Amino acid sequence: MRKTMIYLEDNQFLLLKRMAASSKKRMSEIIREALSGYLREERKEKDDYFSFVGIAEGPKKGKTSEQAEEILREALK
């Protein structure tokens, strides 16, 4: 684990302090949990963006690139 410093808005600090007191956790623990959730979502969004690529096989002698809109229309029915 590494030590770092962050700057918070006054209202962020007060809310964080209240949350720490009510949950009996340290402010640093709450920040780490929140940051982990945020980073997990960011990574998931980037990973999911092209997850559909390569999941289907086009027609053997077809012109998939020229028929992309038609193929998508049929697949989404």
PDB file of N, CA and C in Angstrom:
ATOM      1  N   MET A   1       0.849  -1.164   0.000  1.00  0.00           N
ATOM      2  CA  MET A   1       0.000   0.000   0.000  1.00  0.00           C
ATOM      3  C   MET A   1       0.901   1.234   0.000  1.00  0.00           C
ATOM      4  N   ARG A   2       0.454   2.262  -0.714  1.00  0.00           N
ATOM      5  CA  ARG A   2       1.229   3.502  -0.784  1.00  0.00           C
ATOM      6  C   ARG A   2       0.445   4.634  -0.152  1.00  0.00           C
ATOM      7  N   LYS A   3       1.171   5.551   0.405  1.00  0.00           N
ATOM      8  CA  LYS A   3       0.562   6.728   1.023  1.00  0.00           C
ATOM      9  C   LYS A   3       0.473   7.830  -0.029  1.00  0.00           C
ATOM     10  N   THR A   4      -0.674   8.507  -0.063  1.00  0.00           N
ATOM     11  CA  THR A   4      -0.859   9.610  -0.998  1.00  0.00           C
ATOM     12  C   THR A   4      -1.694  10.692  -0.332  1.00  0.00           C
ATOM     13  N   MET A   5      -1.769  11.837  -0.964  1.00  0.00           N
ATOM     14  CA  MET A   5      -2.558  12.934  -0.425  1.00  0.00           C
ATOM     15  C   MET A   5      -3.576  13.350  -1.478  1.00  0.00           C
ATOM     16  N   ILE A   6      -4.803  13.615  -1.034  1.00  0.00           N
ATOM     17  CA  ILE A   6      -5.825  14.108  -1.952  1.00  0.00           C
ATOM     18  C   ILE A   6      -6.429  15.390  -1.386  1.00  0.00           C
ATOM     19  N   TYR A   7      -6.958  16.188  -2.258  1.00  0.00           N
ATOM     20  CA  TYR A   7      -7.650  17.407  -1.842  1.00  0.00           C
ATOM     21  C   TYR A   7      -9.146  17.177  -2.028  1.00  0.00           C
ATOM     22  N   LEU A   8      -9.926  17.481  -1.000  1.00  0.00           N
ATOM     23  CA  LEU A   8     -11.368  17.324  -1.046  1.00  0.00           C
ATOM     24  C   LEU A   8     -12.034  18.676  -0.886  1.00  0.00           C
ATOM     25  N   GLU A   9     -13.189  18.799  -1.508  1.00  0.00           N
ATOM     26  CA  GLU A   9     -14.022  19.978  -1.267  1.00  0.00           C
ATOM     27  C   GLU A   9     -14.484  19.908   0.194  1.00  0.00           C
ATOM     28  N   ASP A  10     -14.821  21.049   0.777  1.00  0.00           N
ATOM     29  CA  ASP A  10     -15.260  21.057   2.178  1.00  0.00           C
ATOM     30  C   ASP A  10     -16.436  20.124   2.412  1.00  0.00           C
ATOM     31  N   ASN A  11     -17.433  20.172   1.520  1.00  0.00           N
ATOM     32  CA  ASN A  11     -18.620  19.319   1.704  1.00  0.00           C
ATOM     33  C   ASN A  11     -18.266  17.839   1.562  1.00  0.00           C
ATOM     34  N   GLN A  12     -17.327  17.501   0.677  1.00  0.00           N
ATOM     35  CA  GLN A  12     -16.888  16.116   0.539  1.00  0.00           C
ATOM     36  C   GLN A  12     -16.240  15.629   1.829  1.00  0.00           C
ATOM     37  N   PHE A  13     -15.403  16.481   2.399  1.00  0.00           N
ATOM     38  CA  PHE A  13     -14.717  16.129   3.636  1.00  0.00           C
ATOM     39  C   PHE A  13     -15.716  15.895   4.767  1.00  0.00           C
ATOM     40  N   LEU A  14     -16.687  16.802   4.904  1.00  0.00           N
ATOM     41  CA  LEU A  14     -17.673  16.659   5.975  1.00  0.00           C
ATOM     42  C   LEU A  14     -18.520  15.406   5.813  1.00  0.00           C
ATOM     43  N   LEU A  15     -18.956  15.130   4.591  1.00  0.00           N
ATOM     44  CA  LEU A  15     -19.745  13.919   4.343  1.00  0.00           C
ATOM     45  C   LEU A  15     -18.922  12.659   4.603  1.00  0.00           C
ATOM     46  N   LEU A  16     -17.695  12.677   4.167  1.00  0.00           N
ATOM     47  CA  LEU A  16     -16.805  11.537   4.386  1.00  0.00           C
ATOM     48  C   LEU A  16     -16.571  11.310   5.878  1.00  0.00           C
ATOM     49  N   LYS A  17     -16.357  12.391   6.612  1.00  0.00           N
ATOM     50  CA  LYS A  17     -16.127  12.299   8.051  1.00  0.00           C
ATOM     51  C   LYS A  17     -17.351  11.720   8.765  1.00  0.00           C
ATOM     52  N   ARG A  18     -18.544  12.174   8.359  1.00  0.00           N
ATOM     53  CA  ARG A  18     -19.784  11.640   8.948  1.00  0.00           C
ATOM     54  C   ARG A  18     -19.952  10.161   8.622  1.00  0.00           C
ATOM     55  N   MET A  19     -19.682   9.796   7.380  1.00  0.00           N
ATOM     56  CA  MET A  19     -19.808   8.402   6.961  1.00  0.00           C
ATOM     57  C   MET A  19     -18.841   7.524   7.741  1.00  0.00           C
ATOM     58  N   ALA A  20     -17.635   8.003   7.940  1.00  0.00           N
ATOM     59  CA  ALA A  20     -16.638   7.237   8.689  1.00  0.00           C
ATOM     60  C   ALA A  20     -17.091   7.033  10.131  1.00  0.00           C
ATOM     61  N   ALA A  21     -17.621   8.076  10.728  1.00  0.00           N
ATOM     62  CA  ALA A  21     -18.073   7.973  12.117  1.00  0.00           C
ATOM     63  C   ALA A  21     -19.247   7.003  12.245  1.00  0.00           C
ATOM     64  N   SER A  22     -20.194   7.094  11.321  1.00  0.00           N
ATOM     65  CA  SER A  22     -21.380   6.235  11.422  1.00  0.00           C
ATOM     66  C   SER A  22     -21.084   4.782  11.076  1.00  0.00           C
ATOM     67  N   SER A  23     -20.100   4.542  10.217  1.00  0.00           N
ATOM     68  CA  SER A  23     -19.780   3.165   9.816  1.00  0.00           C
ATOM     69  C   SER A  23     -18.638   2.571  10.628  1.00  0.00           C
ATOM     70  N   LYS A  24     -18.039   3.411  11.482  1.00  0.00           N
ATOM     71  CA  LYS A  24     -16.885   2.986  12.292  1.00  0.00           C
ATOM     72  C   LYS A  24     -15.723   2.503  11.410  1.00  0.00           C
ATOM     73  N   LYS A  25     -15.558   3.166  10.287  1.00  0.00           N
ATOM     74  CA  LYS A  25     -14.435   2.893   9.393  1.00  0.00           C
ATOM     75  C   LYS A  25     -13.580   4.140   9.313  1.00  0.00           C
ATOM     76  N   ARG A  26     -12.351   3.962   8.922  1.00  0.00           N
ATOM     77  CA  ARG A  26     -11.472   5.116   8.699  1.00  0.00           C
ATOM     78  C   ARG A  26     -11.845   5.772   7.370  1.00  0.00           C
ATOM     79  N   MET A  27     -11.607   7.067   7.287  1.00  0.00           N
ATOM     80  CA  MET A  27     -11.893   7.779   6.037  1.00  0.00           C
ATOM     81  C   MET A  27     -11.089   7.165   4.892  1.00  0.00           C
ATOM     82  N   SER A  28      -9.864   6.796   5.145  1.00  0.00           N
ATOM     83  CA  SER A  28      -9.021   6.217   4.086  1.00  0.00           C
ATOM     84  C   SER A  28      -9.614   4.915   3.559  1.00  0.00           C
ATOM     85  N   GLU A  29     -10.212   4.118   4.442  1.00  0.00           N
ATOM     86  CA  GLU A  29     -10.825   2.862   4.014  1.00  0.00           C
ATOM     87  C   GLU A  29     -12.021   3.124   3.102  1.00  0.00           C
ATOM     88  N   ILE A  30     -12.821   4.107   3.458  1.00  0.00           N
ATOM     89  CA  ILE A  30     -13.985   4.461   2.633  1.00  0.00           C
ATOM     90  C   ILE A  30     -13.535   4.963   1.268  1.00  0.00           C
ATOM     91  N   ILE A  31     -12.499   5.783   1.254  1.00  0.00           N
ATOM     92  CA  ILE A  31     -11.971   6.307  -0.013  1.00  0.00           C
ATOM     93  C   ILE A  31     -11.455   5.164  -0.878  1.00  0.00           C
ATOM     94  N   ARG A  32     -10.711   4.214  -0.288  1.00  0.00           N
ATOM     95  CA  ARG A  32     -10.192   3.078  -1.059  1.00  0.00           C
ATOM     96  C   ARG A  32     -11.331   2.236  -1.631  1.00  0.00           C
ATOM     97  N   GLU A  33     -12.364   1.992  -0.822  1.00  0.00           N
ATOM     98  CA  GLU A  33     -13.512   1.210  -1.301  1.00  0.00           C
ATOM     99  C   GLU A  33     -14.210   1.915  -2.457  1.00  0.00           C
ATOM    100  N   ALA A  34     -14.424   3.224  -2.310  1.00  0.00           N
ATOM    101  CA  ALA A  34     -15.086   3.995  -3.364  1.00  0.00           C
ATOM    102  C   ALA A  34     -14.245   4.011  -4.634  1.00  0.00           C
ATOM    103  N   LEU A  35     -12.956   4.195  -4.497  1.00  0.00           N
ATOM    104  CA  LEU A  35     -12.062   4.239  -5.647  1.00  0.00           C
ATOM    105  C   LEU A  35     -12.008   2.879  -6.340  1.00  0.00           C
ATOM    106  N   SER A  36     -11.980   1.809  -5.565  1.00  0.00           N
ATOM    107  CA  SER A  36     -11.973   0.469  -6.157  1.00  0.00           C
ATOM    108  C   SER A  36     -13.235   0.233  -6.976  1.00  0.00           C
ATOM    109  N   GLY A  37     -14.392   0.627  -6.446  1.00  0.00           N
ATOM    110  CA  GLY A  37     -15.646   0.488  -7.186  1.00  0.00           C
ATOM    111  C   GLY A  37     -15.643   1.304  -8.463  1.00  0.00           C
ATOM    112  N   TYR A  38     -15.157   2.526  -8.380  1.00  0.00           N
ATOM    113  CA  TYR A  38     -15.098   3.405  -9.553  1.00  0.00           C
ATOM    114  C   TYR A  38     -14.190   2.817 -10.625  1.00  0.00           C
ATOM    115  N   LEU A  39     -13.015   2.366 -10.227  1.00  0.00           N
ATOM    116  CA  LEU A  39     -12.064   1.811 -11.195  1.00  0.00           C
ATOM    117  C   LEU A  39     -12.576   0.519 -11.808  1.00  0.00           C
ATOM    118  N   ARG A  40     -13.266  -0.282 -11.024  1.00  0.00           N
ATOM    119  CA  ARG A  40     -13.845  -1.534 -11.536  1.00  0.00           C
ATOM    120  C   ARG A  40     -14.886  -1.220 -12.611  1.00  0.00           C
ATOM    121  N   GLU A  41     -15.738  -0.231 -12.371  1.00  0.00           N
ATOM    122  CA  GLU A  41     -16.754   0.159 -13.353  1.00  0.00           C
ATOM    123  C   GLU A  41     -16.128   0.734 -14.611  1.00  0.00           C
ATOM    124  N   GLU A  42     -15.115   1.562 -14.444  1.00  0.00           N
ATOM    125  CA  GLU A  42     -14.429   2.143 -15.599  1.00  0.00           C
ATOM    126  C   GLU A  42     -13.822   1.043 -16.464  1.00  0.00           C
ATOM    127  N   ARG A  43     -13.158   0.088 -15.828  1.00  0.00           N
ATOM    128  CA  ARG A  43     -12.529  -1.008 -16.555  1.00  0.00           C
ATOM    129  C   ARG A  43     -13.597  -1.858 -17.245  1.00  0.00           C
ATOM    130  N   LYS A  44     -14.692  -2.108 -16.549  1.00  0.00           N
ATOM    131  CA  LYS A  44     -15.773  -2.917 -17.112  1.00  0.00           C
ATOM    132  C   LYS A  44     -16.354  -2.252 -18.358  1.00  0.00           C
ATOM    133  N   GLU A  45     -16.581  -0.940 -18.298  1.00  0.00           N
ATOM    134  CA  GLU A  45     -17.125  -0.225 -19.452  1.00  0.00           C
ATOM    135  C   GLU A  45     -16.184  -0.331 -20.642  1.00  0.00           C
ATOM    136  N   LYS A  46     -14.895  -0.195 -20.414  1.00  0.00           N
ATOM    137  CA  LYS A  46     -13.934  -0.282 -21.514  1.00  0.00           C
ATOM    138  C   LYS A  46     -13.833  -1.702 -22.034  1.00  0.00           C
ATOM    139  N   ASP A  47     -13.859  -2.691 -21.130  1.00  0.00           N
ATOM    140  CA  ASP A  47     -13.785  -4.090 -21.545  1.00  0.00           C
ATOM    141  C   ASP A  47     -15.032  -4.499 -22.321  1.00  0.00           C
ATOM    142  N   ASP A  48     -16.200  -4.011 -21.914  1.00  0.00           N
ATOM    143  CA  ASP A  48     -17.459  -4.391 -22.547  1.00  0.00           C
ATOM    144  C   ASP A  48     -17.682  -3.715 -23.900  1.00  0.00           C
ATOM    145  N   TYR A  49     -16.969  -2.636 -24.170  1.00  0.00           N
ATOM    146  CA  TYR A  49     -17.233  -1.848 -25.367  1.00  0.00           C
ATOM    147  C   TYR A  49     -17.152  -2.671 -26.641  1.00  0.00           C
ATOM    148  N   PHE A  50     -16.131  -3.511 -26.782  1.00  0.00           N
ATOM    149  CA  PHE A  50     -15.963  -4.322 -27.981  1.00  0.00           C
ATOM    150  C   PHE A  50     -16.152  -5.812 -27.691  1.00  0.00           C
ATOM    151  N   SER A  51     -16.834  -6.142 -26.608  1.00  0.00           N
ATOM    152  CA  SER A  51     -16.972  -7.551 -26.231  1.00  0.00           C
ATOM    153  C   SER A  51     -17.780  -8.341 -27.254  1.00  0.00           C
ATOM    154  N   PHE A  52     -18.567  -7.661 -28.078  1.00  0.00           N
ATOM    155  CA  PHE A  52     -19.381  -8.357 -29.073  1.00  0.00           C
ATOM    156  C   PHE A  52     -18.581  -8.738 -30.320  1.00  0.00           C
ATOM    157  N   VAL A  53     -17.414  -8.160 -30.504  1.00  0.00           N
ATOM    158  CA  VAL A  53     -16.631  -8.409 -31.709  1.00  0.00           C
ATOM    159  C   VAL A  53     -16.191  -9.868 -31.750  1.00  0.00           C
ATOM    160  N   GLY A  54     -16.471 -10.504 -32.870  1.00  0.00           N
ATOM    161  CA  GLY A  54     -16.025 -11.871 -33.079  1.00  0.00           C
ATOM    162  C   GLY A  54     -16.914 -12.935 -32.475  1.00  0.00           C
ATOM    163  N   ILE A  55     -18.112 -12.570 -31.976  1.00  0.00           N
ATOM    164  CA  ILE A  55     -18.951 -13.581 -31.351  1.00  0.00           C
ATOM    165  C   ILE A  55     -19.804 -14.334 -32.354  1.00  0.00           C
ATOM    166  N   ALA A  56     -19.868 -13.848 -33.568  1.00  0.00           N
ATOM    167  CA  ALA A  56     -20.691 -14.516 -34.574  1.00  0.00           C
ATOM    168  C   ALA A  56     -19.875 -14.739 -35.838  1.00  0.00           C
ATOM    169  N   GLU A  57     -20.337 -15.672 -36.615  1.00  0.00           N
ATOM    170  CA  GLU A  57     -19.670 -15.971 -37.871  1.00  0.00           C
ATOM    171  C   GLU A  57     -20.554 -15.481 -39.007  1.00  0.00           C
ATOM    172  N   GLY A  58     -19.966 -14.802 -39.937  1.00  0.00           N
ATOM    173  CA  GLY A  58     -20.725 -14.297 -41.069  1.00  0.00           C
ATOM    174  C   GLY A  58     -20.974 -15.391 -42.099  1.00  0.00           C
ATOM    175  N   PRO A  59     -21.723 -15.056 -43.129  1.00  0.00           N
ATOM    176  CA  PRO A  59     -21.980 -16.037 -44.185  1.00  0.00           C
ATOM    177  C   PRO A  59     -20.674 -16.459 -44.849  1.00  0.00           C
ATOM    178  N   LYS A  60     -20.613 -17.718 -45.253  1.00  0.00           N
ATOM    179  CA  LYS A  60     -19.367 -18.264 -45.832  1.00  0.00           C
ATOM    180  C   LYS A  60     -18.911 -17.502 -47.074  1.00  0.00           C
ATOM    181  N   LYS A  61     -19.837 -17.206 -47.950  1.00  0.00           N
ATOM    182  CA  LYS A  61     -19.455 -16.489 -49.178  1.00  0.00           C
ATOM    183  C   LYS A  61     -20.148 -15.136 -49.254  1.00  0.00           C
ATOM    184  N   GLY A  62     -20.526 -14.625 -48.088  1.00  0.00           N
ATOM    185  CA  GLY A  62     -21.271 -13.371 -48.051  1.00  0.00           C
ATOM    186  C   GLY A  62     -20.378 -12.151 -48.051  1.00  0.00           C
ATOM    187  N   LYS A  63     -21.011 -11.029 -48.135  1.00  0.00           N
ATOM    188  CA  LYS A  63     -20.309  -9.754 -48.100  1.00  0.00           C
ATOM    189  C   LYS A  63     -20.754  -9.048 -46.826  1.00  0.00           C
ATOM    190  N   THR A  64     -20.278  -9.546 -45.702  1.00  0.00           N
ATOM    191  CA  THR A  64     -20.721  -9.081 -44.394  1.00  0.00           C
ATOM    192  C   THR A  64     -20.558  -7.571 -44.234  1.00  0.00           C
ATOM    193  N   SER A  65     -19.442  -7.024 -44.641  1.00  0.00           N
ATOM    194  CA  SER A  65     -19.233  -5.593 -44.454  1.00  0.00           C
ATOM    195  C   SER A  65     -20.226  -4.758 -45.257  1.00  0.00           C
ATOM    196  N   GLU A  66     -20.587  -5.228 -46.438  1.00  0.00           N
ATOM    197  CA  GLU A  66     -21.549  -4.494 -47.254  1.00  0.00           C
ATOM    198  C   GLU A  66     -22.981  -4.675 -46.737  1.00  0.00           C
ATOM    199  N   GLN A  67     -23.236  -5.771 -46.015  1.00  0.00           N
ATOM    200  CA  GLN A  67     -24.585  -6.081 -45.544  1.00  0.00           C
ATOM    201  C   GLN A  67     -24.722  -5.884 -44.035  1.00  0.00           C
ATOM    202  N   ALA A  68     -23.838  -5.141 -43.427  1.00  0.00           N
ATOM    203  CA  ALA A  68     -23.802  -5.013 -41.965  1.00  0.00           C
ATOM    204  C   ALA A  68     -25.131  -4.531 -41.387  1.00  0.00           C
ATOM    205  N   GLU A  69     -25.711  -3.492 -41.968  1.00  0.00           N
ATOM    206  CA  GLU A  69     -26.962  -2.958 -41.425  1.00  0.00           C
ATOM    207  C   GLU A  69     -28.087  -3.987 -41.512  1.00  0.00           C
ATOM    208  N   GLU A  70     -28.177  -4.674 -42.617  1.00  0.00           N
ATOM    209  CA  GLU A  70     -29.209  -5.700 -42.787  1.00  0.00           C
ATOM    210  C   GLU A  70     -29.010  -6.847 -41.795  1.00  0.00           C
ATOM    211  N   ILE A  71     -27.780  -7.275 -41.629  1.00  0.00           N
ATOM    212  CA  ILE A  71     -27.470  -8.358 -40.700  1.00  0.00           C
ATOM    213  C   ILE A  71     -27.817  -7.955 -39.269  1.00  0.00           C
ATOM    214  N   LEU A  72     -27.460  -6.741 -38.874  1.00  0.00           N
ATOM    215  CA  LEU A  72     -27.779  -6.251 -37.536  1.00  0.00           C
ATOM    216  C   LEU A  72     -29.292  -6.140 -37.325  1.00  0.00           C
ATOM    217  N   ARG A  73     -29.995  -5.658 -38.328  1.00  0.00           N
ATOM    218  CA  ARG A  73     -31.456  -5.534 -38.242  1.00  0.00           C
ATOM    219  C   ARG A  73     -32.095  -6.895 -37.981  1.00  0.00           C
ATOM    220  N   GLU A  74     -31.629  -7.917 -38.694  1.00  0.00           N
ATOM    221  CA  GLU A  74     -32.149  -9.265 -38.523  1.00  0.00           C
ATOM    222  C   GLU A  74     -31.801  -9.825 -37.150  1.00  0.00           C
ATOM    223  N   ALA A  75     -30.585  -9.578 -36.713  1.00  0.00           N
ATOM    224  CA  ALA A  75     -30.134 -10.115 -35.419  1.00  0.00           C
ATOM    225  C   ALA A  75     -30.881  -9.485 -34.249  1.00  0.00           C
ATOM    226  N   LEU A  76     -31.307  -8.235 -34.398  1.00  0.00           N
ATOM    227  CA  LEU A  76     -31.969  -7.522 -33.311  1.00  0.00           C
ATOM    228  C   LEU A  76     -33.475  -7.711 -33.275  1.00  0.00           C
ATOM    229  N   LYS A  77     -34.012  -8.503 -34.197  1.00  0.00           N
ATOM    230  CA  LYS A  77     -35.462  -8.749 -34.207  1.00  0.00           C
ATOM    231  C   LYS A  77     -35.881  -9.616 -33.040  1.00  0.00           C
TER     232      LYS A  77
END
